[in-house]
C-alpha cells in the first residue's frame, strides 16, 4: 500500500473519511491521536 509507514496519525473533525482512515491506521498498528469532538449519547 505505502512504502513507508507513518509514525502516527492525528485526526481532527471534518468529513466522514476520518473514520475510514482511523480504522485502517489502527488495523496496521499505527498510533492514533483522535481530537474529534464526540457527542455524549
Protein backbone atom coordinates (compact mmCIF):
# COMPACT_ATOMS: atom_id res chain seq x y z
CA UNK A 1 0.00 0.00 0.00
CA UNK A 2 2.61 2.55 1.05
CA UNK A 3 6.37 2.17 1.15
CA UNK A 4 6.97 3.97 4.46
CA UNK A 5 4.68 3.55 7.45
CA UNK A 6 3.79 6.76 9.30
CA UNK A 7 4.85 7.16 12.94
CA UNK A 8 1.31 8.16 13.89
CA UNK A 9 -1.95 9.72 12.78
CA UNK A 10 -3.53 12.91 14.15
CA UNK A 11 -7.26 13.24 13.45
CA UNK A 12 -9.41 16.37 13.70
CA UNK A 13 -13.09 16.91 12.90
CA UNK A 14 -14.03 17.02 9.25
CA UNK A 15 -15.82 14.72 6.84
CA UNK A 16 -16.68 11.04 7.23
CA UNK A 17 -13.43 9.90 5.63
CA UNK A 18 -11.68 10.27 9.00
CA UNK A 19 -13.48 7.18 10.36
CA UNK A 20 -12.18 5.13 7.44
CA UNK A 21 -8.60 6.39 7.81
CA UNK A 22 -8.61 5.84 11.60
CA UNK A 23 -9.87 2.29 11.16
CA UNK A 24 -7.18 1.46 8.64
CA UNK A 25 -4.44 3.04 10.76
CA UNK A 26 -5.50 1.04 13.82
CA UNK A 27 -5.60 -2.14 11.74
CA UNK A 28 -1.96 -1.54 10.76
CA UNK A 29 -1.00 -0.82 14.38
CA UNK A 30 -0.32 2.88 13.76
CA UNK A 31 -0.88 5.05 16.88
CA UNK A 32 -3.88 7.39 16.53
CA UNK A 33 -4.39 10.69 18.34
CA UNK A 34 -8.07 11.49 17.94
CA UNK A 35 -9.06 15.13 18.63
CA UNK A 36 -12.55 14.89 17.13
CA UNK A 37 -15.39 16.17 19.29
CA UNK A 38 -17.70 13.31 20.24
CA UNK A 39 -21.24 13.97 21.42
CA UNK A 40 -22.42 12.25 24.59
CA UNK A 41 -25.01 9.51 24.00
